[in-house]
């Protein structure tokens, strides 16, 4: 029996469950997810942190892997790459996140 196909939206929804503990916001709305590729061969994620000195990077990456595996099944290969280019800036945040932090355009 073949595994069910996985799509980018399914992965993105799972990643919304991962909260950056320093910001108190999910990593999707923070703009930390730079790329998602989901296909029959597995899931590939490009993820960044707000700073290269982020002490929570390993924890966030583990939680992201667990959230994806919980949503799509543990037999699907998951590759999460931590990237730094382009550097994260607040303009990568969703409108919802900017509004929550009071950074929405007035």
Protein backbone atom coordinates (compact mmCIF):
# COMPACT_ATOMS: atom_id res chain seq x y z
CA UNK A 1 0.00 0.00 0.00
CA UNK A 2 1.44 3.38 -1.05
CA UNK A 3 1.58 6.25 1.41
CA UNK A 4 -0.96 9.02 0.93
CA UNK A 5 0.36 11.98 -1.05
CA UNK A 6 1.54 14.90 1.04
CA UNK A 7 1.04 18.49 -0.03
CA UNK A 8 2.69 21.75 0.99
CA UNK A 9 -0.44 23.05 2.74
CA UNK A 10 -0.60 19.99 4.97
CA UNK A 11 3.01 20.54 6.01
CA UNK A 12 2.48 24.29 6.51
CA UNK A 13 -0.53 23.60 8.75
CA UNK A 14 1.56 21.20 10.85
CA UNK A 15 4.32 23.81 11.17
CA UNK A 16 1.80 26.33 12.49
CA UNK A 17 1.74 24.18 15.64
CA UNK A 18 5.44 24.93 16.29
CA UNK A 19 5.80 27.97 18.52
CA UNK A 20 8.99 29.99 18.84
CA UNK A 21 9.11 30.26 22.65
CA UNK A 22 10.96 33.56 22.61
CA UNK A 23 8.42 35.23 20.32
CA UNK A 24 5.32 33.32 21.42
CA UNK A 25 4.23 32.94 17.79
CA UNK A 26 4.20 30.04 15.34
CA UNK A 27 7.15 29.71 12.97
CA UNK A 28 5.03 30.07 9.82
CA UNK A 29 3.57 33.45 10.77
CA UNK A 30 6.99 34.58 12.03
CA UNK A 31 8.30 33.97 8.51
CA UNK A 32 10.88 31.40 9.60
CA UNK A 33 9.76 28.84 7.01
CA UNK A 34 11.50 29.75 3.76
CA UNK A 35 10.49 26.75 1.68
CA UNK A 36 8.40 23.60 1.67
CA UNK A 37 8.62 20.81 -0.88
CA UNK A 38 6.40 17.80 -0.38
CA UNK A 39 6.15 14.95 -2.83
CA UNK A 40 6.13 11.16 -3.02
CA UNK A 41 9.80 11.07 -1.95
CA UNK A 42 9.28 12.99 1.29
CA UNK A 43 9.26 16.47 2.73
CA UNK A 44 12.01 19.06 2.48
CA UNK A 45 11.89 22.24 4.55
CA UNK A 46 14.11 25.32 4.52
CA UNK A 47 13.89 26.95 7.93
CA UNK A 48 15.69 29.90 9.45
CA UNK A 49 15.84 31.56 12.84
CA UNK A 50 15.51 35.22 13.73
CA UNK A 51 19.19 35.17 14.68
CA UNK A 52 22.14 32.84 14.12
CA UNK A 53 22.61 32.99 17.89
CA UNK A 54 19.12 31.62 18.58
CA UNK A 55 19.42 29.26 21.56
CA UNK A 56 16.16 27.53 20.60
CA UNK A 57 17.15 26.45 17.06
CA UNK A 58 17.62 22.74 17.84
CA UNK A 59 14.42 22.59 19.85
CA UNK A 60 12.41 24.35 17.12
CA UNK A 61 13.81 22.05 14.44
CA UNK A 62 12.97 18.96 16.54
CA UNK A 63 9.44 20.24 17.15
CA UNK A 64 9.03 20.98 13.42
CA UNK A 65 10.11 17.45 12.53
CA UNK A 66 7.73 15.98 15.15
CA UNK A 67 4.81 18.16 14.00
CA UNK A 68 5.28 17.14 10.37
CA UNK A 69 5.68 13.46 11.24
CA UNK A 70 2.53 13.61 13.36
CA UNK A 71 0.57 15.11 10.48
CA UNK A 72 1.80 12.95 7.60
CA UNK A 73 3.10 9.77 9.20
CA UNK A 74 6.42 8.71 10.59
CA UNK A 75 7.41 6.65 7.54
CA UNK A 76 7.76 9.69 5.28
CA UNK A 77 11.33 11.04 5.06
CA UNK A 78 11.62 14.58 6.46
CA UNK A 79 14.64 16.76 5.74
CA UNK A 80 14.87 20.11 7.52
CA UNK A 81 17.69 22.40 6.45
CA UNK A 82 18.63 25.40 8.57
CA UNK A 83 19.45 28.28 6.21
CA UNK A 84 20.70 31.81 6.78
CA UNK A 85 20.38 33.34 3.33
CA UNK A 86 18.50 35.55 3.04
CA UNK A 87 18.76 36.69 6.64
CA UNK A 88 15.45 36.86 8.48
CA UNK A 89 13.90 40.31 8.86
CA UNK A 90 10.50 41.33 10.26
CA UNK A 91 9.17 41.95 6.75
CA UNK A 92 9.01 38.14 6.35
CA UNK A 93 6.30 37.97 9.04
CA UNK A 94 2.66 37.52 8.07
CA UNK A 95 0.29 40.47 8.41
CA UNK A 96 -1.26 38.61 11.36
CA UNK A 97 2.11 38.40 13.16
CA UNK A 98 2.99 42.04 12.48
CA UNK A 99 -0.41 43.05 13.79
CA UNK A 100 0.05 40.92 16.95
CA UNK A 101 3.35 42.67 17.64
CA UNK A 102 1.92 46.09 16.84
CA UNK A 103 4.02 46.44 13.67
CA UNK A 104 1.13 46.59 11.20
CA UNK A 105 1.00 49.58 8.89
CA UNK A 106 -1.30 52.26 10.21
